[in-house]
Amino acid sequence: MRDMISTGIVWCPSIPSDWEIRRVKNCFYISKVKAGTKNPVVLKLARSGVQVKDVTVNGGQMAESYDDYNPVQVGDLLLNPMDLYSGANCNVSEVEGVISPAYVNLRAKESINPFFFDYYFKIQYWTMAMFAHGKGVSYDNRWTINAESVKAYELPFPSVDEQDLIVDSIKKRSIQIDALITNAEKQIEKLKSYKQSVITETVTKGLDSDVQMKESGVEWIGEIPEHWQLSHIGNLAEIGSGGTPNRNIPEYWKDGTIPWMSSGEINLEYVNDTAEKITEEGLNNSNAKLLPKNTVMLGLIGQGKTKGLTAILNIECCCNQNLAYLIPNRFLFYKYLFYCFKAMYVYIRGIVGESQAGIYQGFLKKQYIPLPRISEQQAISDFLNHKCSQIDKLIALKQQKIEKLQQYKKSLIYEYVTGKKEV
């Protein structure tokens, strides 16, 4: 075992005796030169790397001028000093261009391996060590570190040869770990696809594989059992949307006890509680409605996955105006409707499009669903509850494997860049 010496640094308490501790300002310049070039290659710093930014689309967030942007050279180490709480964002640039002056651009003063220090700073983000050097309004808000604090930051400094060996070792091990993670992610996607196919097959074909079938005439449904019917959803459920009490009136929100569901909470699938609550006064002075347990919810808007997602209320609850509620009548079992919406997800998204445009209640009311007898709906729901639970457990195991691999990768990097693991 190699000799270690104390550093006095909380997040790097010891290093090998032949290493040094240096400050960032002794190893790097913080480049603040203005670009002043026409039609520059504009870069962005992402967790996956430094990338060329597409400034021709809205997502590119075009600047009026790039004159104040900083030039970036190959080998520059870029740090995101903003939002340290959820940051973990630094990378070595492998392309030339310019980048927003909001980022910290570290350019080596001497011949060093910038990837070694990139790995070290990644550990600083992951372990929240940089957080201690930052400033902000609150721990829940943006927490930033300024350039002077970055300059004073202490770094472990092995010889350049050892930096190269460490970087090479980390990259090789990372490739192996990332391959395992990618494989697990692919398995999760296959399980999700299988789950979707099981839901669609069961709500449209039932549980009896020997039953006679007939054509439904509905694209997403295809054939259905001969004894089943088709019905508009509007004939089977009360459909409406919620509302948001005025946030400028404290009496509508303060000390509220009535659960109020936001659009993002559609991802819960089964709603047992909500992040926000409203008061009786807020309920009575808005379009919000107190919905009964077993109401089926549907996301109405969103360019992300929210639009078309479904959930079930396990509690009495209100919701905002971007969610539709469906209260089934006696001919429709709520869980069966829930699974019908899951089967319809891709179809609905295809009809209404991927834009911000929403799903209208009139559209929902006109949609057909297969309608077996209520007892068969319940049997289908029970089967899918059990089957989906089995698949979800397998997905959870794969996700746990991914999380363990990610944590192992982080611990491996930490041990290498602090000298605890010898190369």
Protein backbone atom coordinates (compact mmCIF):
# COMPACT_ATOMS: atom_id res chain seq x y z
CA MET A 1 0.00 0.00 0.00
CA ARG A 2 1.38 3.41 -0.98
CA ASP A 3 2.27 6.09 1.58
CA MET A 4 -0.45 8.71 2.07
CA ILE A 5 -0.21 12.20 3.54
CA SER A 6 -2.91 14.37 5.09
CA THR A 7 -4.19 17.32 3.06
CA GLY A 8 -6.52 19.04 5.52
CA ILE A 9 -9.16 19.09 2.78
CA VAL A 10 -12.49 17.68 3.90
CA TRP A 11 -13.46 16.09 0.58
CA CYS A 12 -9.93 14.86 -0.18
CA PRO A 13 -8.40 14.16 3.26
CA SER A 14 -5.31 12.33 2.01
CA ILE A 15 -3.24 11.89 -1.14
CA PRO A 16 -0.16 9.83 -2.06
CA SER A 17 3.04 11.25 -0.59
CA ASP A 18 4.50 11.95 -4.04
CA TRP A 19 1.49 14.06 -5.08
CA GLU A 20 1.04 17.79 -4.50
CA ILE A 21 -1.90 20.03 -3.65
CA ARG A 22 -2.17 23.02 -5.99
CA ARG A 23 -4.79 25.68 -6.49
CA VAL A 24 -6.68 26.11 -9.74
CA LYS A 25 -5.03 29.50 -10.33
CA ASN A 26 -1.60 27.81 -10.29
CA CYS A 27 -2.61 25.31 -12.96
CA PHE A 28 -5.12 27.12 -15.16
CA TYR A 29 -5.97 30.48 -16.62
CA ILE A 30 -9.63 31.44 -16.47
CA SER A 31 -10.11 32.53 -20.06
CA LYS A 32 -12.18 35.71 -20.34
CA VAL A 33 -11.07 36.84 -23.79
CA LYS A 34 -13.95 38.09 -25.95
CA ALA A 35 -14.52 36.26 -29.21
CA GLY A 36 -15.31 39.18 -31.52
CA THR A 37 -15.57 36.87 -34.53
CA LYS A 38 -18.28 36.69 -37.17
CA ASN A 39 -20.37 33.54 -37.54
CA PRO A 40 -18.60 31.63 -34.76
CA VAL A 41 -19.19 27.99 -33.88
CA VAL A 42 -21.35 28.35 -30.77
CA LEU A 43 -20.90 25.67 -28.13
CA LYS A 44 -22.97 24.47 -25.20
CA LEU A 45 -21.94 22.57 -22.09
CA ALA A 46 -24.04 19.46 -21.51
CA ARG A 47 -23.58 16.57 -19.09
CA SER A 48 -22.74 14.36 -22.06
CA GLY A 49 -20.01 16.70 -23.29
CA VAL A 50 -19.27 20.02 -24.98
CA GLN A 51 -21.48 20.19 -28.06
CA VAL A 52 -22.04 22.48 -31.02
CA LYS A 53 -25.21 24.45 -30.35
CA ASP A 54 -27.93 24.71 -33.00
CA VAL A 55 -28.73 28.43 -32.99
CA THR A 56 -31.10 28.16 -35.95
CA VAL A 57 -34.00 26.83 -33.88
CA ASN A 58 -35.85 28.23 -30.88
CA GLY A 59 -34.29 25.64 -28.61
CA GLY A 60 -30.94 27.14 -29.49
CA GLN A 61 -31.84 30.37 -27.68
CA MET A 62 -30.09 32.67 -30.15
CA ALA A 63 -28.15 35.57 -28.71
CA GLU A 64 -28.29 38.99 -30.36
CA SER A 65 -24.50 38.96 -30.59
CA TYR A 66 -21.72 36.52 -29.78
CA ASP A 67 -19.05 39.21 -29.45
CA ASP A 68 -18.92 38.77 -25.67
CA TYR A 69 -18.69 34.98 -25.83
CA ASN A 70 -15.42 33.33 -24.79
CA PRO A 71 -13.26 31.45 -27.30
CA VAL A 72 -12.88 27.74 -26.52
CA GLN A 73 -9.87 25.68 -27.58
CA VAL A 74 -9.56 21.91 -27.72
CA GLY A 75 -8.51 20.78 -24.24
CA ASP A 76 -10.20 23.63 -22.34
CA LEU A 77 -12.00 22.47 -19.21
CA LEU A 78 -15.45 24.07 -18.97
CA LEU A 79 -17.35 24.30 -15.68
CA ASN A 80 -20.94 25.24 -15.02
CA PRO A 81 -20.74 27.51 -11.94
CA MET A 82 -24.53 27.85 -11.77
CA ASP A 83 -26.99 25.66 -9.91
CA LEU A 84 -24.43 23.62 -7.97
CA TYR A 85 -27.25 21.83 -6.18
CA SER A 86 -28.15 19.84 -9.30
CA GLY A 87 -25.21 20.71 -11.54
CA ALA A 88 -22.61 17.95 -11.97
CA ASN A 89 -21.80 19.68 -15.22
CA CYS A 90 -18.21 19.96 -16.42
CA ASN A 91 -16.41 18.61 -19.47
CA VAL A 92 -13.26 18.98 -21.54
CA SER A 93 -13.93 20.48 -24.95
CA GLU A 94 -12.87 18.45 -27.96
CA VAL A 95 -14.08 21.12 -30.40
CA GLU A 96 -13.17 24.77 -30.97
CA GLY A 97 -15.76 27.52 -30.83
CA VAL A 98 -17.21 30.10 -28.46
CA ILE A 99 -19.33 29.70 -25.36
CA SER A 100 -21.42 31.90 -23.09
CA PRO A 101 -19.38 33.91 -20.56
CA ALA A 102 -21.66 32.46 -17.89
CA TYR A 103 -19.43 29.37 -17.89
CA VAL A 104 -15.95 29.10 -16.39
CA ASN A 105 -13.33 28.27 -19.02
CA LEU A 106 -10.15 26.75 -17.54
CA ARG A 107 -7.15 26.70 -19.87
CA ALA A 108 -4.02 24.87 -18.71
CA LYS A 109 -0.91 26.94 -17.96
CA GLU A 110 1.37 23.94 -18.44
CA SER A 111 1.38 20.50 -19.96
CA ILE A 112 -1.21 18.59 -17.94
CA ASN A 113 -4.00 16.16 -18.71
CA PRO A 114 -7.23 18.19 -18.48
CA PHE A 115 -9.32 15.02 -18.30
CA PHE A 116 -7.78 14.17 -14.90
CA PHE A 117 -9.05 17.47 -13.49
CA ASP A 118 -12.36 17.04 -15.29
CA TYR A 119 -12.85 13.80 -13.38
CA TYR A 120 -11.84 15.51 -10.14
CA PHE A 121 -14.33 18.33 -10.65
CA LYS A 122 -17.05 15.80 -11.50
CA ILE A 123 -16.44 14.28 -8.06
CA GLN A 124 -16.70 17.76 -6.53
CA TYR A 125 -20.12 18.19 -8.11
CA TRP A 126 -21.32 14.70 -7.22
CA THR A 127 -20.25 14.91 -3.57
CA MET A 128 -21.57 18.48 -3.19
CA ALA A 129 -18.06 19.63 -2.23
CA MET A 130 -18.36 22.66 -4.55
CA PHE A 131 -21.61 23.56 -2.84
CA ALA A 132 -19.66 24.60 0.26
CA HIS A 133 -17.82 27.24 -1.81
CA GLY A 134 -20.93 28.63 -3.48
CA LYS A 135 -23.45 31.32 -2.71
CA GLY A 136 -27.17 31.65 -3.28
CA VAL A 137 -30.52 32.82 -1.98
CA SER A 138 -31.44 29.49 -0.43
CA TYR A 139 -30.60 25.82 -0.55
CA ASP A 140 -33.65 25.29 -2.73
CA ASN A 141 -32.64 27.95 -5.21
CA ARG A 142 -29.76 28.45 -7.64
CA TRP A 143 -26.48 28.03 -5.83
CA THR A 144 -23.46 29.35 -7.71
CA ILE A 145 -19.69 29.57 -7.39
CA ASN A 146 -17.81 32.64 -8.65
CA ALA A 147 -14.55 32.77 -10.60
CA GLU A 148 -12.48 33.85 -7.58
CA SER A 149 -13.66 30.86 -5.58
CA VAL A 150 -12.83 28.59 -8.51
CA LYS A 151 -9.31 30.07 -8.69
CA ALA A 152 -8.76 29.29 -5.01
CA TYR A 153 -10.03 25.72 -5.35
CA GLU A 154 -7.50 23.09 -4.25
CA LEU A 155 -6.60 20.21 -6.55
CA PRO A 156 -4.65 16.98 -6.09
CA PHE A 157 -1.73 17.08 -8.50
CA PRO A 158 0.12 13.89 -9.45
CA SER A 159 2.83 13.84 -12.11
CA VAL A 160 1.64 14.28 -15.68
CA ASP A 161 2.62 10.68 -16.45
CA GLU A 162 0.44 9.45 -13.60
CA GLN A 163 -2.39 11.77 -14.68
CA ASP A 164 -2.26 10.07 -18.09
CA LEU A 165 -2.29 6.59 -16.55
CA ILE A 166 -5.20 7.47 -14.26
CA VAL A 167 -7.25 8.96 -17.11
CA ASP A 168 -6.56 5.91 -19.27
CA SER A 169 -7.62 3.56 -16.45
CA ILE A 170 -10.81 5.51 -15.73
CA LYS A 171 -11.77 5.60 -19.41
CA LYS A 172 -11.24 1.86 -19.83
CA ARG A 173 -13.23 0.98 -16.72
CA SER A 174 -15.92 3.52 -17.62
CA ILE A 175 -16.38 1.93 -21.05
CA GLN A 176 -16.96 -1.44 -19.38
CA ILE A 177 -19.38 -0.03 -16.81
CA ASP A 178 -21.23 2.10 -19.37
CA ALA A 179 -21.71 -0.99 -21.57
CA LEU A 180 -23.37 -2.78 -18.65
CA ILE A 181 -25.56 0.27 -17.98
CA THR A 182 -26.56 0.52 -21.65
CA ASN A 183 -27.44 -3.18 -21.71
CA ALA A 184 -29.63 -2.78 -18.60
CA GLU A 185 -31.32 0.28 -20.13
CA LYS A 186 -32.11 -1.70 -23.29
CA GLN A 187 -33.60 -4.47 -21.16
CA ILE A 188 -35.77 -1.90 -19.38
CA GLU A 189 -37.03 -0.56 -22.72
CA LYS A 190 -37.86 -4.10 -23.85
CA LEU A 191 -39.77 -4.72 -20.63
CA LYS A 192 -41.67 -1.44 -21.06
CA SER A 193 -42.55 -2.37 -24.66
CA TYR A 194 -43.67 -5.80 -23.51
CA LYS A 195 -45.82 -4.24 -20.79
CA GLN A 196 -47.43 -1.91 -23.32
CA SER A 197 -48.16 -4.78 -25.70
CA VAL A 198 -49.70 -6.87 -22.90
CA ILE A 199 -51.99 -3.99 -21.90
CA THR A 200 -53.07 -3.28 -25.49
CA GLU A 201 -53.63 -6.95 -26.31
CA THR A 202 -55.66 -7.58 -23.16
CA VAL A 203 -57.97 -4.54 -23.28
CA THR A 204 -58.76 -5.14 -26.96
CA LYS A 205 -58.82 -8.96 -27.15
CA GLY A 206 -59.76 -10.05 -23.63
CA LEU A 207 -58.58 -13.09 -21.70
CA ASP A 208 -60.16 -15.87 -23.78
CA SER A 209 -57.93 -16.70 -26.75
CA ASP A 210 -60.56 -19.05 -28.25
CA VAL A 211 -63.36 -16.50 -28.54
CA GLN A 212 -64.71 -15.48 -31.96
CA MET A 213 -63.52 -12.05 -33.11
CA LYS A 214 -65.02 -9.23 -35.17
CA GLU A 215 -63.54 -6.13 -36.76
CA SER A 216 -63.99 -2.96 -34.69
CA GLY A 217 -63.27 -0.45 -37.43
CA VAL A 218 -61.15 1.57 -34.97
CA GLU A 219 -57.46 1.95 -35.80
CA TRP A 220 -55.91 1.41 -32.37
CA ILE A 221 -58.33 -1.38 -31.40
CA GLY A 222 -58.41 -3.71 -34.41
CA GLU A 223 -60.42 -6.88 -33.81
CA ILE A 224 -62.44 -7.37 -30.63
CA PRO A 225 -64.35 -10.36 -29.22
CA GLU A 226 -67.65 -10.89 -30.99
CA HIS A 227 -69.76 -10.38 -27.86
CA TRP A 228 -68.10 -7.05 -26.99
CA GLN A 229 -69.46 -3.64 -27.90
CA LEU A 230 -67.84 -0.33 -28.82
CA SER A 231 -68.82 2.89 -27.08
CA HIS A 232 -67.81 6.53 -27.02
CA ILE A 233 -66.05 7.41 -23.78
CA GLY A 234 -68.45 10.35 -23.45
CA ASN A 235 -71.33 7.88 -23.02
CA LEU A 236 -69.55 6.07 -20.20
CA ALA A 237 -68.07 8.78 -18.00
CA GLU A 238 -68.50 12.32 -16.76
CA ILE A 239 -65.63 14.30 -18.29
CA GLY A 240 -64.30 17.67 -17.19
CA SER A 241 -61.18 19.54 -16.15
CA GLY A 242 -60.09 21.30 -13.00
CA GLY A 243 -58.98 24.78 -12.06
CA THR A 244 -56.38 26.72 -10.11
CA PRO A 245 -57.40 29.02 -7.27
CA ASN A 246 -55.90 32.51 -7.48
CA ARG A 247 -52.37 32.24 -6.10
CA ASN A 248 -52.40 35.91 -5.14
CA ILE A 249 -55.06 35.24 -2.51
CA PRO A 250 -53.35 33.54 0.46
CA GLU A 251 -56.66 32.40 1.94
CA TYR A 252 -57.09 30.02 -0.99
CA TRP A 253 -53.82 28.19 -0.26
CA LYS A 254 -52.49 28.84 3.25
CA ASP A 255 -53.03 25.90 5.61
CA GLY A 256 -55.05 24.15 2.92
CA THR A 257 -56.07 20.55 3.54
CA ILE A 258 -57.75 19.62 0.24
CA PRO A 259 -55.35 17.77 -2.13
CA TRP A 260 -54.80 19.63 -5.40
CA MET A 261 -53.16 17.72 -8.24
CA SER A 262 -50.75 19.43 -10.65
CA SER A 263 -49.97 18.25 -14.19
CA GLY A 264 -46.62 16.73 -13.22
CA GLU A 265 -48.29 14.45 -10.70
CA ILE A 266 -49.95 12.51 -13.53
CA ASN A 267 -46.65 10.58 -13.57
CA LEU A 268 -47.53 9.08 -10.19
CA GLU A 269 -50.09 6.76 -11.86
CA TYR A 270 -51.71 6.16 -8.46
CA VAL A 271 -52.27 9.42 -6.58
CA ASN A 272 -52.16 8.95 -2.80
CA ASP A 273 -51.19 12.54 -1.94
CA THR A 274 -50.33 15.82 -3.65
CA ALA A 275 -47.57 18.35 -3.13
CA GLU A 276 -50.03 21.24 -2.80
CA LYS A 277 -53.27 21.65 -0.89
CA ILE A 278 -56.02 24.25 -1.19
CA THR A 279 -58.59 25.56 1.29
CA GLU A 280 -62.37 25.23 1.20
CA GLU A 281 -62.48 28.91 0.22
CA GLY A 282 -60.09 28.26 -2.66
CA LEU A 283 -62.22 25.34 -3.83
CA ASN A 284 -65.43 27.40 -3.74
CA ASN A 285 -63.91 30.36 -5.60
CA SER A 286 -62.31 28.55 -8.53
CA ASN A 287 -63.11 26.01 -11.23
CA ALA A 288 -61.55 23.29 -9.11
CA LYS A 289 -63.85 20.42 -8.24
CA LEU A 290 -63.52 17.85 -5.47
CA LEU A 291 -63.27 14.53 -7.28
CA PRO A 292 -64.13 11.15 -5.77
CA LYS A 293 -61.72 8.31 -5.19
CA ASN A 294 -61.22 6.09 -8.30
CA THR A 295 -61.54 9.02 -10.69
CA VAL A 296 -59.37 8.48 -13.79
CA MET A 297 -57.10 11.41 -14.69
CA LEU A 298 -55.56 12.30 -18.07
CA GLY A 299 -52.87 14.84 -18.97
CA LEU A 300 -54.23 17.34 -21.50
CA ILE A 301 -51.17 19.34 -22.55
CA GLY A 302 -47.40 19.17 -22.76
CA GLN A 303 -44.71 18.62 -25.39
CA GLY A 304 -43.09 16.05 -23.13
CA LYS A 305 -44.62 12.74 -22.11
CA THR A 306 -47.27 14.32 -19.84
CA LYS A 307 -49.90 14.75 -22.55
CA GLY A 308 -51.96 11.58 -22.76
CA LEU A 309 -50.62 10.02 -19.56
CA THR A 310 -53.17 8.63 -17.14
CA ALA A 311 -53.51 8.15 -13.38
CA ILE A 312 -56.04 7.01 -10.80
CA LEU A 313 -57.06 8.93 -7.69
CA ASN A 314 -56.76 6.83 -4.56
CA ILE A 315 -58.00 9.85 -2.58
CA GLU A 316 -60.57 12.62 -2.90
CA CYS A 317 -58.74 15.32 -4.79
CA CYS A 318 -58.95 18.47 -6.94
CA CYS A 319 -56.85 19.11 -10.05
CA ASN A 320 -55.68 21.95 -12.25
CA GLN A 321 -57.09 22.94 -15.63
CA ASN A 322 -54.44 21.00 -17.57
CA LEU A 323 -55.81 17.68 -16.36
CA ALA A 324 -59.02 15.99 -17.42
CA TYR A 325 -61.02 13.92 -14.98
CA LEU A 326 -63.25 11.01 -15.96
CA ILE A 327 -65.77 9.64 -13.46
CA PRO A 328 -67.06 6.33 -14.91
CA ASN A 329 -70.74 5.38 -14.78
CA ARG A 330 -72.01 1.92 -13.79
CA PHE A 331 -71.17 0.43 -17.21
CA LEU A 332 -67.45 1.22 -16.99
CA PHE A 333 -64.95 -0.05 -14.44
CA TYR A 334 -62.44 2.69 -13.57
CA LYS A 335 -59.38 0.42 -13.73
CA TYR A 336 -60.40 -0.85 -17.16
CA LEU A 337 -60.66 2.75 -18.42
CA PHE A 338 -57.22 3.44 -16.93
CA TYR A 339 -55.74 0.55 -18.91
CA CYS A 340 -57.63 1.60 -22.06
CA PHE A 341 -55.94 5.01 -21.85
CA LYS A 342 -52.58 3.29 -21.42
CA ALA A 343 -53.27 1.28 -24.56
CA MET A 344 -54.37 4.46 -26.40
CA TYR A 345 -51.34 6.57 -25.42
CA VAL A 346 -49.42 6.30 -28.70
CA TYR A 347 -52.63 6.63 -30.73
CA ILE A 348 -53.71 9.79 -28.87
CA ARG A 349 -50.25 11.35 -29.20
CA GLY A 350 -50.28 10.57 -32.90
CA ILE A 351 -53.67 12.23 -33.41
CA VAL A 352 -53.09 15.42 -31.41
CA GLY A 353 -49.39 15.71 -32.31
CA GLU A 354 -46.25 16.35 -30.29
CA SER A 355 -46.66 20.14 -30.15
CA GLN A 356 -47.85 22.14 -27.14
CA ALA A 357 -51.42 21.86 -28.47
CA GLY A 358 -53.64 20.08 -25.99
CA ILE A 359 -56.23 17.33 -25.93
CA TYR A 360 -59.77 18.69 -25.93
CA GLN A 361 -62.58 17.24 -23.85
CA GLY A 362 -64.68 16.98 -27.01
CA PHE A 363 -62.00 14.81 -28.56
CA LEU A 364 -61.98 12.53 -25.52
CA LYS A 365 -65.76 12.15 -25.51
CA LYS A 366 -65.76 10.98 -29.14
CA GLN A 367 -63.08 8.31 -28.70
CA TYR A 368 -64.19 4.70 -28.90
CA ILE A 369 -63.14 2.04 -26.43
CA PRO A 370 -63.99 -1.68 -26.41
CA LEU A 371 -66.74 -2.44 -23.91
CA PRO A 372 -67.06 -5.95 -22.48
CA ARG A 373 -69.42 -6.72 -19.61
CA ILE A 374 -68.47 -5.03 -16.33
CA SER A 375 -67.46 -8.39 -14.80
CA GLU A 376 -65.08 -8.99 -17.70
CA GLN A 377 -63.67 -5.48 -17.35
CA GLN A 378 -62.90 -6.27 -13.72
CA ALA A 379 -61.29 -9.61 -14.63
CA ILE A 380 -59.14 -7.90 -17.28
CA SER A 381 -58.12 -5.24 -14.77
CA ASP A 382 -57.20 -7.84 -12.14
CA PHE A 383 -55.09 -9.74 -14.69
CA LEU A 384 -53.29 -6.56 -15.78
CA ASN A 385 -52.74 -5.44 -12.19
CA HIS A 386 -50.90 -8.70 -11.51
CA LYS A 387 -49.04 -8.84 -14.83
CA CYS A 388 -47.95 -5.19 -14.76
CA SER A 389 -46.82 -5.56 -11.16
CA GLN A 390 -44.57 -8.47 -12.18
CA ILE A 391 -43.08 -6.47 -15.05
CA ASP A 392 -42.63 -3.37 -12.89
CA LYS A 393 -40.68 -5.43 -10.34
CA LEU A 394 -38.33 -6.62 -13.09
CA ILE A 395 -37.91 -3.03 -14.30
CA ALA A 396 -37.18 -1.89 -10.73
CA LEU A 397 -34.47 -4.57 -10.38
CA LYS A 398 -32.85 -3.42 -13.62
CA GLN A 399 -33.05 0.20 -12.45
CA GLN A 400 -31.41 -0.75 -9.15
CA LYS A 401 -28.63 -2.43 -11.11
CA ILE A 402 -28.10 0.75 -13.13
CA GLU A 403 -27.98 2.89 -9.98
CA LYS A 404 -25.44 0.55 -8.38
CA LEU A 405 -23.27 0.62 -11.51
CA GLN A 406 -23.46 4.42 -11.65
CA GLN A 407 -22.49 4.66 -7.98
CA TYR A 408 -19.66 2.17 -8.50
CA LYS A 409 -18.36 4.25 -11.40
CA LYS A 410 -18.39 7.39 -9.26
CA SER A 411 -16.59 5.67 -6.38
CA LEU A 412 -14.02 4.28 -8.82
CA ILE A 413 -13.33 7.74 -10.23
CA TYR A 414 -13.05 9.15 -6.69
CA GLU A 415 -10.52 6.50 -5.67
CA TYR A 416 -8.41 7.07 -8.78
CA VAL A 417 -8.31 10.89 -8.69
CA THR A 418 -7.52 10.98 -4.96
CA GLY A 419 -4.79 8.34 -5.25
CA LYS A 420 -6.53 5.72 -3.13
CA LYS A 421 -6.49 3.36 -6.09
CA GLU A 422 -3.07 2.87 -7.60
CA VAL A 423 -2.43 2.52 -11.35
